[in-house]
Protein backbone atom coordinates (compact mmCIF):
# COMPACT_ATOMS: atom_id res chain seq x y z
CA LYS A 1 3.01 -42.36 -13.94
CA GLY A 2 1.58 -39.26 -15.87
CA THR A 3 2.46 -38.23 -19.44
CA ALA A 4 5.44 -36.55 -21.05
CA ASN A 5 3.06 -33.44 -21.78
CA SER A 6 1.82 -33.15 -18.18
CA THR A 7 2.39 -29.23 -16.71
CA LYS A 8 3.47 -28.46 -13.25
CA VAL A 9 1.93 -25.87 -11.55
CA PRO A 10 3.96 -23.64 -9.34
CA PRO A 11 3.85 -23.05 -5.94
CA LYS A 12 1.79 -20.10 -4.65
CA HIS A 13 4.40 -17.36 -3.73
CA ASN A 14 5.45 -17.49 -0.19
CA PRO A 15 7.74 -14.53 0.83
CA ILE A 16 9.15 -16.56 4.01
CA SER A 17 9.62 -19.79 1.84
CA ASP A 18 13.12 -19.68 1.55
CA THR A 19 13.22 -20.09 5.32
CA THR A 20 11.14 -23.14 6.10
CA GLY A 21 13.61 -25.75 4.90
CA GLY A 22 15.34 -28.43 7.19
CA GLY A 23 12.56 -29.09 9.48
CA GLY A 24 12.21 -25.26 10.55
CA THR A 25 15.65 -24.44 11.82
CA GLN A 26 16.34 -21.69 9.06
CA LEU A 27 12.63 -20.04 10.26
CA ASP A 28 13.98 -20.81 13.95
CA THR A 29 17.16 -18.84 13.69
CA MET A 30 15.28 -15.96 11.61
CA TYR A 31 12.74 -15.58 14.71
CA ARG A 32 16.11 -15.50 17.12
CA ASN A 33 17.94 -12.81 15.00
CA ILE A 34 14.56 -11.19 14.62
CA LYS A 35 13.93 -10.93 18.19
CA SER A 36 17.62 -9.76 18.52
CA LEU A 37 17.12 -6.80 16.63
CA GLU A 38 14.01 -5.79 18.08
CA THR A 39 15.38 -5.73 21.35
CA LYS A 40 18.78 -3.61 20.17
CA THR A 41 16.65 -1.69 18.39
CA PHE A 42 13.40 -1.01 20.15
CA GLY A 43 14.51 -2.52 23.67
CA LYS A 44 11.49 -4.85 23.72
CA THR A 45 10.33 -7.64 21.19
CA PHE A 46 6.72 -8.13 19.48
CA ASP A 47 6.15 -11.82 19.71
CA SER A 48 2.50 -11.68 19.00
CA ASP A 49 3.09 -9.80 15.40
CA ASP A 50 3.93 -12.06 12.72
CA ILE A 51 7.19 -12.07 11.03
CA LEU A 52 6.61 -10.13 8.47
CA THR A 53 5.07 -7.00 10.09
CA ARG A 54 8.11 -7.29 12.87
CA LEU A 55 10.80 -7.18 9.85
CA ALA A 56 8.61 -4.36 8.16
CA ARG A 57 8.99 -2.57 11.70
CA LEU A 58 12.43 -3.10 12.03
CA GLU A 59 13.01 -1.98 8.15
CA THR A 60 11.29 1.20 8.82
CA LYS A 61 13.11 2.19 11.84
CA LEU A 62 16.55 1.42 10.52
CA LEU A 63 16.32 1.74 6.86
CA GLY A 64 13.64 4.46 6.58
CA LYS A 65 10.83 2.26 4.93
CA PRO A 66 9.92 -1.65 4.50
CA GLN A 67 11.98 -3.27 1.52
CA GLN A 68 11.00 -5.73 -1.01
CA GLY A 69 11.98 -9.40 -1.47
CA LYS A 70 12.43 -12.44 0.52
CA ALA A 71 12.11 -12.11 4.14
CA MET A 72 15.50 -13.97 4.76
CA ARG A 73 17.28 -11.52 2.27
CA ARG A 74 15.87 -8.59 4.35
CA LEU A 75 16.75 -9.75 7.54
CA ASP A 76 20.38 -10.41 6.35
CA ALA A 77 20.85 -6.78 5.07
CA LEU A 78 19.48 -5.90 8.67
CA LEU A 79 21.88 -8.34 10.36
CA LEU A 80 24.84 -6.68 8.28
CA MET A 81 23.86 -3.09 9.54
CA GLN A 82 24.90 -4.54 12.75
């Protein structure tokens, strides 16, 4: 059962952790949205790169530099620019 004084260890920080709930459906949506933005912005996609690299590339092109914060919120900001 555990004791009343047991301490929970917080999970390690994961910049895309807020996108993986619900069996990956949010993550799937995130990949689709990044793919769409890449196609509109660059005329091609960068499927072999990880999602954070792809997001930073889009932010650099559209906003001048990579942004800080959780990946889903960063992607939402780019989507709002459309």
